[in-house]
Amino acid sequence: MTPASTVRVLSLIHDPTWTESRVDDELRRRGHEVELRCHAAGDPLPRPDELGDEFGAVVVNGGPVSTWQAPDHPFMGREIEFAAEVLAAGVPFLGLCLGAHVLGAALGVSTEARADGVAEFGFCPIEPTAAGLDLFGDLDHVFQCHYEALIDLPDGAELLATGSLFPIQAFRLAPRPAAGAAIGLQFHPDARRDMIEGWWAGNAATRERPGVQPLAEQLVDAERFEPARAAFVGRLVDRWLPATGETRAPAPEATPARPEVGAR
């Protein structure tokens, strides 16, 4: 297994133009190689035999197609299968928003919107659990852009953070070896301050839902919470890809799921 200090990371995006990410920035800053692929636009996913030495970690980012829409969007069903392959290979997996839903779907958990249609779009409060305190530190507001979320915690996962509107905000598969982790985050640590206005412009349907924070307030909060957000991304990368060459043991077996899940 390639040491984490030289990991080649697959960052799976869902639009060819969505190439900016604070998480990818941080991975590169630590010396990792990040390769962007857009499977939704036809880029191939790695074969199971390429997971490990070829790709030492996988990030699945947000997107506009929900996992429950897989019957109408075959790429989504394939991404759910791919997530199960990543887990079976013991390769670290990081799911952001839709990516967390893909991780949940690979483990048999579906997503849904709230009955009242409320969205989280903007900076929203979260509460770390005891298991998540070391990761979250003083971060208690995160940037969100979604109106669907996992309805339950996957089997074998521990909750790292919760929220009043959508209870499952962060989780980690456990037990995991010290050399890697599978983590799902409902929120977007990948969104830098300079990206927020573009997200507002590109999410017209979401911003019409109740509960959305006005753009002006989002920009103020982006400055307010920037130190805590930046520190969190550093801790996230450090804990997700520890600097060690230890072999990663396989994760708990993923249960292939019927694609009945939703996303940003």
C-alpha atoms as a PDB file:
ATOM      1  CA  MET A   1       0.000   0.000   0.000  1.00  0.00           C
ATOM      2  CA  THR A   2       1.342   3.424  -0.920  1.00  0.00           C
ATOM      3  CA  PRO A   3       2.339   5.461   2.166  1.00  0.00           C
ATOM      4  CA  ALA A   4      -0.118   8.247   2.962  1.00  0.00           C
ATOM      5  CA  SER A   5       2.654  10.820   2.481  1.00  0.00           C
ATOM      6  CA  THR A   6       2.566  10.097  -1.258  1.00  0.00           C
ATOM      7  CA  VAL A   7      -1.081   9.183  -1.808  1.00  0.00           C
ATOM      8  CA  ARG A   8      -2.737   9.635  -5.182  1.00  0.00           C
ATOM      9  CA  VAL A   9      -6.253  10.819  -4.390  1.00  0.00           C
ATOM     10  CA  LEU A  10      -9.225  10.464  -6.731  1.00  0.00           C
ATOM     11  CA  SER A  11     -11.524  13.476  -6.292  1.00  0.00           C
ATOM     12  CA  LEU A  12     -14.835  12.623  -7.948  1.00  0.00           C
ATOM     13  CA  ILE A  13     -16.788  15.682  -9.111  1.00  0.00           C
ATOM     14  CA  HIS A  14     -20.264  15.824 -10.645  1.00  0.00           C
ATOM     15  CA  ASP A  15     -19.811  18.683 -13.078  1.00  0.00           C
ATOM     16  CA  PRO A  16     -16.682  19.193 -15.204  1.00  0.00           C
ATOM     17  CA  THR A  17     -16.537  22.869 -14.186  1.00  0.00           C
ATOM     18  CA  TRP A  18     -16.547  22.193 -10.420  1.00  0.00           C
ATOM     19  CA  THR A  19     -12.790  22.038 -10.105  1.00  0.00           C
ATOM     20  CA  GLU A  20     -12.286  24.236  -7.023  1.00  0.00           C
ATOM     21  CA  SER A  21     -12.197  22.728  -3.535  1.00  0.00           C
ATOM     22  CA  ARG A  22     -10.573  23.754  -0.265  1.00  0.00           C
ATOM     23  CA  VAL A  23     -10.218  20.067   0.629  1.00  0.00           C
ATOM     24  CA  ASP A  24      -8.323  19.345  -2.596  1.00  0.00           C
ATOM     25  CA  ASP A  25      -6.210  22.451  -1.930  1.00  0.00           C
ATOM     26  CA  GLU A  26      -5.278  21.093   1.499  1.00  0.00           C
ATOM     27  CA  LEU A  27      -4.483  17.640   0.123  1.00  0.00           C
ATOM     28  CA  ARG A  28      -2.132  19.167  -2.446  1.00  0.00           C
ATOM     29  CA  ARG A  29      -0.562  21.401   0.204  1.00  0.00           C
ATOM     30  CA  ARG A  30       0.365  18.257   2.109  1.00  0.00           C
ATOM     31  CA  GLY A  31       1.996  16.789  -0.982  1.00  0.00           C
ATOM     32  CA  HIS A  32      -0.755  14.440  -2.132  1.00  0.00           C
ATOM     33  CA  GLU A  33      -1.543  14.111  -5.838  1.00  0.00           C
ATOM     34  CA  VAL A  34      -5.201  14.903  -6.601  1.00  0.00           C
ATOM     35  CA  GLU A  35      -6.775  13.635  -9.814  1.00  0.00           C
ATOM     36  CA  LEU A  36     -10.189  15.030 -10.743  1.00  0.00           C
ATOM     37  CA  ARG A  37     -12.646  12.843 -12.616  1.00  0.00           C
ATOM     38  CA  CYS A  38     -16.268  13.505 -13.543  1.00  0.00           C
ATOM     39  CA  HIS A  39     -17.967  10.147 -13.916  1.00  0.00           C
ATOM     40  CA  ALA A  40     -21.302  11.889 -14.559  1.00  0.00           C
ATOM     41  CA  ALA A  41     -19.746  13.324 -17.739  1.00  0.00           C
ATOM     42  CA  GLY A  42     -18.234  10.029 -18.842  1.00  0.00           C
ATOM     43  CA  ASP A  43     -14.878   9.790 -17.057  1.00  0.00           C
ATOM     44  CA  PRO A  44     -14.168   6.192 -16.008  1.00  0.00           C
ATOM     45  CA  LEU A  45     -14.125   5.106 -12.405  1.00  0.00           C
ATOM     46  CA  PRO A  46     -11.102   3.110 -11.238  1.00  0.00           C
ATOM     47  CA  ARG A  47     -11.409  -0.643 -11.425  1.00  0.00           C
ATOM     48  CA  PRO A  48     -11.271  -2.529  -8.120  1.00  0.00           C
ATOM     49  CA  ASP A  49      -7.710  -3.650  -8.936  1.00  0.00           C
ATOM     50  CA  GLU A  50      -6.661   0.009  -9.239  1.00  0.00           C
ATOM     51  CA  LEU A  51      -7.731   0.806  -5.678  1.00  0.00           C
ATOM     52  CA  GLY A  52      -4.799   0.772  -3.309  1.00  0.00           C
ATOM     53  CA  ASP A  53      -1.505   1.404  -5.049  1.00  0.00           C
ATOM     54  CA  GLU A  54      -3.018   3.338  -7.989  1.00  0.00           C
ATOM     55  CA  PHE A  55      -5.458   5.350  -5.889  1.00  0.00           C
ATOM     56  CA  GLY A  56      -4.758   5.486  -2.168  1.00  0.00           C
ATOM     57  CA  ALA A  57      -7.827   7.532  -1.229  1.00  0.00           C
ATOM     58  CA  VAL A  58     -11.131   8.696  -2.710  1.00  0.00           C
ATOM     59  CA  VAL A  59     -13.136  11.893  -2.243  1.00  0.00           C
ATOM     60  CA  VAL A  60     -16.713  12.010  -3.554  1.00  0.00           C
ATOM     61  CA  ASN A  61     -17.969  15.577  -3.775  1.00  0.00           C
ATOM     62  CA  GLY A  62     -21.413  17.168  -3.955  1.00  0.00           C
ATOM     63  CA  GLY A  63     -23.732  17.173  -6.934  1.00  0.00           C
ATOM     64  CA  PRO A  64     -27.233  17.871  -8.260  1.00  0.00           C
ATOM     65  CA  VAL A  65     -28.471  14.265  -8.702  1.00  0.00           C
ATOM     66  CA  SER A  66     -29.825  12.417  -5.668  1.00  0.00           C
ATOM     67  CA  THR A  67     -28.861   8.808  -5.052  1.00  0.00           C
ATOM     68  CA  TRP A  68     -32.520   7.785  -5.184  1.00  0.00           C
ATOM     69  CA  GLN A  69     -32.506   9.000  -8.801  1.00  0.00           C
ATOM     70  CA  ALA A  70     -30.096   6.246  -9.835  1.00  0.00           C
ATOM     71  CA  PRO A  71     -32.750   4.434 -11.950  1.00  0.00           C
ATOM     72  CA  ASP A  72     -32.869   7.508 -14.195  1.00  0.00           C
ATOM     73  CA  HIS A  73     -29.142   8.305 -13.928  1.00  0.00           C
ATOM     74  CA  PRO A  74     -27.099   5.097 -14.290  1.00  0.00           C
ATOM     75  CA  PHE A  75     -23.852   6.866 -13.354  1.00  0.00           C
ATOM     76  CA  MET A  76     -25.239   7.339  -9.855  1.00  0.00           C
ATOM     77  CA  GLY A  77     -25.928   3.639  -9.380  1.00  0.00           C
ATOM     78  CA  ARG A  78     -22.403   2.904 -10.528  1.00  0.00           C
ATOM     79  CA  GLU A  79     -20.965   5.431  -8.055  1.00  0.00           C
ATOM     80  CA  ILE A  80     -22.803   3.702  -5.221  1.00  0.00           C
ATOM     81  CA  GLU A  81     -21.298   0.378  -6.329  1.00  0.00           C
ATOM     82  CA  PHE A  82     -17.897   2.064  -6.552  1.00  0.00           C
ATOM     83  CA  ALA A  83     -18.181   3.333  -2.973  1.00  0.00           C
ATOM     84  CA  ALA A  84     -18.777  -0.252  -1.840  1.00  0.00           C
ATOM     85  CA  GLU A  85     -15.674  -1.327  -3.764  1.00  0.00           C
ATOM     86  CA  VAL A  86     -13.607   1.403  -2.091  1.00  0.00           C
ATOM     87  CA  LEU A  87     -14.760   0.264   1.342  1.00  0.00           C
ATOM     88  CA  ALA A  88     -14.084  -3.387   0.536  1.00  0.00           C
ATOM     89  CA  ALA A  89     -10.539  -2.449  -0.531  1.00  0.00           C
ATOM     90  CA  GLY A  90      -9.916  -0.630   2.769  1.00  0.00           C
ATOM     91  CA  VAL A  91      -9.130   2.604   0.912  1.00  0.00           C
ATOM     92  CA  PRO A  92      -9.921   5.850   2.778  1.00  0.00           C
ATOM     93  CA  PHE A  93     -13.188   7.410   1.568  1.00  0.00           C
ATOM     94  CA  LEU A  94     -14.346  10.971   2.192  1.00  0.00           C
ATOM     95  CA  GLY A  95     -17.906  11.879   1.203  1.00  0.00           C
ATOM     96  CA  LEU A  96     -19.016  15.524   1.085  1.00  0.00           C
ATOM     97  CA  CYS A  97     -22.779  16.188   0.983  1.00  0.00           C
ATOM     98  CA  LEU A  98     -23.866  13.988  -1.940  1.00  0.00           C
ATOM     99  CA  GLY A  99     -20.681  12.019  -1.332  1.00  0.00           C
ATOM    100  CA  ALA A 100     -21.893  11.247   2.198  1.00  0.00           C
ATOM    101  CA  HIS A 101     -25.199  10.081   0.715  1.00  0.00           C
ATOM    102  CA  VAL A 102     -23.313   7.833  -1.725  1.00  0.00           C
ATOM    103  CA  LEU A 103     -21.404   6.354   1.216  1.00  0.00           C
ATOM    104  CA  GLY A 104     -24.669   5.821   3.073  1.00  0.00           C
ATOM    105  CA  ALA A 105     -26.302   4.227   0.027  1.00  0.00           C
ATOM    106  CA  ALA A 106     -23.393   1.790  -0.309  1.00  0.00           C
ATOM    107  CA  LEU A 107     -24.195   0.737   3.262  1.00  0.00           C
ATOM    108  CA  GLY A 108     -27.952   0.432   2.695  1.00  0.00           C
ATOM    109  CA  VAL A 109     -29.144   3.789   4.082  1.00  0.00           C
ATOM    110  CA  SER A 110     -31.443   6.079   2.094  1.00  0.00           C
ATOM    111  CA  THR A 111     -31.911   9.844   2.157  1.00  0.00           C
ATOM    112  CA  GLU A 112     -34.940  12.074   2.050  1.00  0.00           C
ATOM    113  CA  ALA A 113     -36.009  15.707   2.277  1.00  0.00           C
ATOM    114  CA  ARG A 114     -37.832  17.149   5.259  1.00  0.00           C
ATOM    115  CA  ALA A 115     -41.626  17.155   5.009  1.00  0.00           C
ATOM    116  CA  ASP A 116     -41.648  20.943   5.444  1.00  0.00           C
ATOM    117  CA  GLY A 117     -39.191  21.428   2.574  1.00  0.00           C
ATOM    118  CA  VAL A 118     -36.648  23.271   4.720  1.00  0.00           C
ATOM    119  CA  ALA A 119     -33.121  23.509   3.334  1.00  0.00           C
ATOM    120  CA  GLU A 120     -29.782  24.244   4.925  1.00  0.00           C
ATOM    121  CA  PHE A 121     -28.071  26.763   2.653  1.00  0.00           C
ATOM    122  CA  GLY A 122     -25.557  28.985   4.377  1.00  0.00           C
ATOM    123  CA  PHE A 123     -23.785  28.773   7.713  1.00  0.00           C
ATOM    124  CA  CYS A 124     -25.681  26.500  10.075  1.00  0.00           C
ATOM    125  CA  PRO A 125     -24.968  25.438  13.653  1.00  0.00           C
ATOM    126  CA  ILE A 126     -23.848  21.914  14.419  1.00  0.00           C
ATOM    127  CA  GLU A 127     -22.978  20.150  17.640  1.00  0.00           C
ATOM    128  CA  PRO A 128     -20.026  17.745  17.766  1.00  0.00           C
ATOM    129  CA  THR A 129     -20.573  14.552  19.688  1.00  0.00           C
ATOM    130  CA  ALA A 130     -18.047  13.282  22.224  1.00  0.00           C
ATOM    131  CA  ALA A 131     -16.534  11.161  19.441  1.00  0.00           C
ATOM    132  CA  GLY A 132     -16.190  14.219  17.198  1.00  0.00           C
ATOM    133  CA  LEU A 133     -14.747  16.783  19.606  1.00  0.00           C
ATOM    134  CA  ASP A 134     -11.153  16.078  18.632  1.00  0.00           C
ATOM    135  CA  LEU A 135     -11.953  16.601  14.943  1.00  0.00           C
ATOM    136  CA  PHE A 136     -14.265  19.602  15.180  1.00  0.00           C
ATOM    137  CA  GLY A 137     -12.465  21.565  17.868  1.00  0.00           C
ATOM    138  CA  ASP A 138     -14.160  24.980  18.134  1.00  0.00           C
ATOM    139  CA  LEU A 139     -15.988  24.679  14.795  1.00  0.00           C
ATOM    140  CA  ASP A 140     -19.703  25.004  15.568  1.00  0.00           C
ATOM    141  CA  HIS A 141     -21.044  26.527  12.299  1.00  0.00           C
ATOM    142  CA  VAL A 142     -20.498  24.915   8.887  1.00  0.00           C
ATOM    143  CA  PHE A 143     -21.388  25.840   5.308  1.00  0.00           C
ATOM    144  CA  GLN A 144     -24.325  23.850   3.966  1.00  0.00           C
ATOM    145  CA  CYS A 145     -26.107  23.520   0.626  1.00  0.00           C
ATOM    146  CA  HIS A 146     -28.702  20.742   0.717  1.00  0.00           C
ATOM    147  CA  TYR A 147     -32.295  19.817   1.461  1.00  0.00           C
ATOM    148  CA  GLU A 148     -31.937  16.026   1.679  1.00  0.00           C
ATOM    149  CA  ALA A 149     -29.975  13.992   4.185  1.00  0.00           C
ATOM    150  CA  LEU A 150     -29.416  10.453   5.434  1.00  0.00           C
ATOM    151  CA  ILE A 151     -32.376   9.150   7.397  1.00  0.00           C
ATOM    152  CA  ASP A 152     -30.269   6.953   9.676  1.00  0.00           C
ATOM    153  CA  LEU A 153     -26.715   6.260  10.709  1.00  0.00           C
ATOM    154  CA  PRO A 154     -25.157   3.361   8.761  1.00  0.00           C
ATOM    155  CA  ASP A 155     -24.479   0.182  10.696  1.00  0.00           C
ATOM    156  CA  GLY A 156     -20.987   0.203  12.154  1.00  0.00           C
ATOM    157  CA  ALA A 157     -20.706   4.010  12.043  1.00  0.00           C
ATOM    158  CA  GLU A 158     -20.228   6.495  14.849  1.00  0.00           C
ATOM    159  CA  LEU A 159     -21.854   9.916  14.831  1.00  0.00           C
ATOM    160  CA  LEU A 160     -19.343  12.786  14.938  1.00  0.00           C
ATOM    161  CA  ALA A 161     -21.700  15.776  14.725  1.00  0.00           C
ATOM    162  CA  THR A 162     -25.415  16.449  14.741  1.00  0.00           C
ATOM    163  CA  GLY A 163     -27.803  19.290  13.962  1.00  0.00           C
ATOM    164  CA  SER A 164     -31.318  20.322  14.900  1.00  0.00           C
ATOM    165  CA  LEU A 165     -32.772  20.166  11.366  1.00  0.00           C
ATOM    166  CA  PHE A 166     -30.786  17.249   9.952  1.00  0.00           C
ATOM    167  CA  PRO A 167     -29.425  15.080  12.764  1.00  0.00           C
ATOM    168  CA  ILE A 168     -26.693  13.242  10.837  1.00  0.00           C
ATOM    169  CA  GLN A 169     -24.082  15.891  10.040  1.00  0.00           C
ATOM    170  CA  ALA A 170     -20.874  13.847  10.246  1.00  0.00           C
ATOM    171  CA  PHE A 171     -20.075  10.190  10.752  1.00  0.00           C
ATOM    172  CA  ARG A 172     -17.149   7.800  10.562  1.00  0.00           C
ATOM    173  CA  LEU A 173     -17.161   4.085   9.947  1.00  0.00           C
ATOM    174  CA  ALA A 174     -15.868   2.244  12.965  1.00  0.00           C
ATOM    175  CA  PRO A 175     -13.846   0.377  13.808  1.00  0.00           C
ATOM    176  CA  ARG A 176     -11.333   1.677  11.264  1.00  0.00           C
ATOM    177  CA  PRO A 177      -7.554   1.128  11.242  1.00  0.00           C
ATOM    178  CA  ALA A 178      -5.354   4.015  12.304  1.00  0.00           C
ATOM    179  CA  ALA A 179      -4.019   4.324   8.733  1.00  0.00           C
ATOM    180  CA  GLY A 180      -7.255   5.546   7.206  1.00  0.00           C
ATOM    181  CA  ALA A 181     -10.942   6.225   7.624  1.00  0.00           C
ATOM    182  CA  ALA A 182     -14.270   6.381   5.840  1.00  0.00           C
ATOM    183  CA  ILE A 183     -15.945   9.677   6.733  1.00  0.00           C
ATOM    184  CA  GLY A 184     -19.202  11.255   5.582  1.00  0.00           C
ATOM    185  CA  LEU A 185     -19.914  14.975   6.045  1.00  0.00           C
ATOM    186  CA  GLN A 186     -23.316  16.464   5.268  1.00  0.00           C
ATOM    187  CA  PHE A 187     -21.777  19.927   5.014  1.00  0.00           C
ATOM    188  CA  HIS A 188     -19.197  21.511   2.690  1.00  0.00           C
ATOM    189  CA  PRO A 189     -15.702  22.104   4.076  1.00  0.00           C
ATOM    190  CA  ASP A 190     -14.675  22.282   0.406  1.00  0.00           C
ATOM    191  CA  ALA A 191     -16.379  25.669  -0.128  1.00  0.00           C
ATOM    192  CA  ARG A 192     -13.941  28.564   0.229  1.00  0.00           C
ATOM    193  CA  ARG A 193     -15.127  32.132   0.896  1.00  0.00           C
ATOM    194  CA  ASP A 194     -14.494  33.106  -2.743  1.00  0.00           C
ATOM    195  CA  MET A 195     -16.736  30.272  -3.966  1.00  0.00           C
ATOM    196  CA  ILE A 196     -19.887  31.148  -2.008  1.00  0.00           C
ATOM    197  CA  GLU A 197     -21.344  33.728  -4.399  1.00  0.00           C
ATOM    198  CA  GLY A 198     -20.996  31.229  -7.240  1.00  0.00           C
ATOM    199  CA  TRP A 199     -22.777  28.566  -5.206  1.00  0.00           C
ATOM    200  CA  TRP A 200     -25.590  31.033  -4.539  1.00  0.00           C
ATOM    201  CA  ALA A 201     -25.935  31.819  -8.241  1.00  0.00           C
ATOM    202  CA  GLY A 202     -25.855  28.145  -9.213  1.00  0.00           C
ATOM    203  CA  ASN A 203     -28.430  26.842  -6.717  1.00  0.00           C
ATOM    204  CA  ALA A 204     -31.574  28.795  -7.576  1.00  0.00           C
ATOM    205  CA  ALA A 205     -33.969  25.988  -6.666  1.00  0.00           C
ATOM    206  CA  THR A 206     -32.379  25.415  -3.253  1.00  0.00           C
ATOM    207  CA  ARG A 207     -32.278  29.090  -2.334  1.00  0.00           C
ATOM    208  CA  GLU A 208     -36.048  29.372  -2.866  1.00  0.00           C
ATOM    209  CA  ARG A 209     -36.716  26.885  -0.077  1.00  0.00           C
ATOM    210  CA  PRO A 210     -37.511  27.936   3.498  1.00  0.00           C
ATOM    211  CA  GLY A 211     -34.658  28.200   5.962  1.00  0.00           C
ATOM    212  CA  VAL A 212     -32.070  29.616   3.553  1.00  0.00           C
ATOM    213  CA  GLN A 213     -29.624  32.186   4.923  1.00  0.00           C
ATOM    214  CA  PRO A 214     -29.451  35.364   2.778  1.00  0.00           C
ATOM    215  CA  LEU A 215     -26.308  35.721   0.711  1.00  0.00           C
ATOM    216  CA  ALA A 216     -25.163  38.875   2.506  1.00  0.00           C
ATOM    217  CA  GLU A 217     -25.257  37.021   5.832  1.00  0.00           C
ATOM    218  CA  GLN A 218     -23.417  34.057   4.323  1.00  0.00           C
ATOM    219  CA  LEU A 219     -20.556  36.309   3.258  1.00  0.00           C
ATOM    220  CA  VAL A 220     -20.318  37.899   6.703  1.00  0.00           C
ATOM    221  CA  ASP A 221     -20.317  34.479   8.362  1.00  0.00           C
ATOM    222  CA  ALA A 222     -17.703  33.221   5.912  1.00  0.00           C
ATOM    223  CA  GLU A 223     -15.301  35.778   7.372  1.00  0.00           C
ATOM    224  CA  ARG A 224     -16.483  35.187  10.937  1.00  0.00           C
ATOM    225  CA  PHE A 225     -15.945  31.420  10.857  1.00  0.00           C
ATOM    226  CA  GLU A 226     -12.938  31.334   8.528  1.00  0.00           C
ATOM    227  CA  PRO A 227     -10.253  30.574  11.161  1.00  0.00           C
ATOM    228  CA  ALA A 228     -12.243  27.670  12.617  1.00  0.00           C
ATOM    229  CA  ARG A 229     -13.120  26.338   9.140  1.00  0.00           C
ATOM    230  CA  ALA A 230      -9.530  26.458   7.916  1.00  0.00           C
ATOM    231  CA  ALA A 231      -8.273  24.695  11.034  1.00  0.00           C
ATOM    232  CA  PHE A 232     -10.968  22.038  10.663  1.00  0.00           C
ATOM    233  CA  VAL A 233      -9.939  21.197   7.096  1.00  0.00           C
ATOM    234  CA  GLY A 234      -6.367  20.725   8.258  1.00  0.00           C
ATOM    235  CA  ARG A 235      -7.441  18.389  11.048  1.00  0.00           C
ATOM    236  CA  LEU A 236      -9.796  16.534   8.696  1.00  0.00           C
ATOM    237  CA  VAL A 237      -7.032  15.758   6.223  1.00  0.00           C
ATOM    238  CA  ASP A 238      -4.609  14.794   8.994  1.00  0.00           C
ATOM    239  CA  ARG A 239      -7.065  12.371  10.577  1.00  0.00           C
ATOM    240  CA  TRP A 240      -8.414  11.012   7.314  1.00  0.00           C
ATOM    241  CA  LEU A 241      -4.980  10.383   5.769  1.00  0.00           C
ATOM    242  CA  PRO A 242      -2.524  10.042   8.652  1.00  0.00           C
ATOM    243  CA  ALA A 243       1.127  10.297   7.625  1.00  0.00           C
ATOM    244  CA  THR A 244       1.951   6.620   7.945  1.00  0.00           C
ATOM    245  CA  GLY A 245       2.864   3.788   5.647  1.00  0.00           C
ATOM    246  CA  GLU A 246       0.934   1.140   7.569  1.00  0.00           C
ATOM    247  CA  THR A 247      -1.174  -1.263   5.566  1.00  0.00           C
ATOM    248  CA  ARG A 248      -4.863  -0.474   5.640  1.00  0.00           C
ATOM    249  CA  ALA A 249      -7.076  -3.337   6.679  1.00  0.00           C
ATOM    250  CA  PRO A 250     -10.364  -3.807   4.800  1.00  0.00           C
ATOM    251  CA  ALA A 251     -13.367  -1.902   6.085  1.00  0.00           C
ATOM    252  CA  PRO A 252     -16.499  -3.601   7.379  1.00  0.00           C
ATOM    253  CA  GLU A 253     -18.234  -5.240   4.418  1.00  0.00           C
ATOM    254  CA  ALA A 254     -20.524  -2.850   2.564  1.00  0.00           C
ATOM    255  CA  THR A 255     -24.036  -4.033   1.843  1.00  0.00           C
ATOM    256  CA  PRO A 256     -25.019  -3.256  -1.760  1.00  0.00           C
ATOM    257  CA  ALA A 257     -28.123  -1.136  -1.526  1.00  0.00           C
ATOM    258  CA  ARG A 258     -31.061  -0.398  -3.709  1.00  0.00           C
ATOM    259  CA  PRO A 259     -30.444   3.125  -4.993  1.00  0.00           C
ATOM    260  CA  GLU A 260     -33.106   4.944  -2.987  1.00  0.00           C
ATOM    261  CA  VAL A 261     -31.175   7.950  -1.730  1.00  0.00           C
ATOM    262  CA  GLY A 262     -31.030  11.743  -2.292  1.00  0.00           C
ATOM    263  CA  ALA A 263     -28.506  14.620  -2.348  1.00  0.00           C
ATOM    264  CA  ARG A 264     -27.677  18.262  -3.002  1.00  0.00           C
END
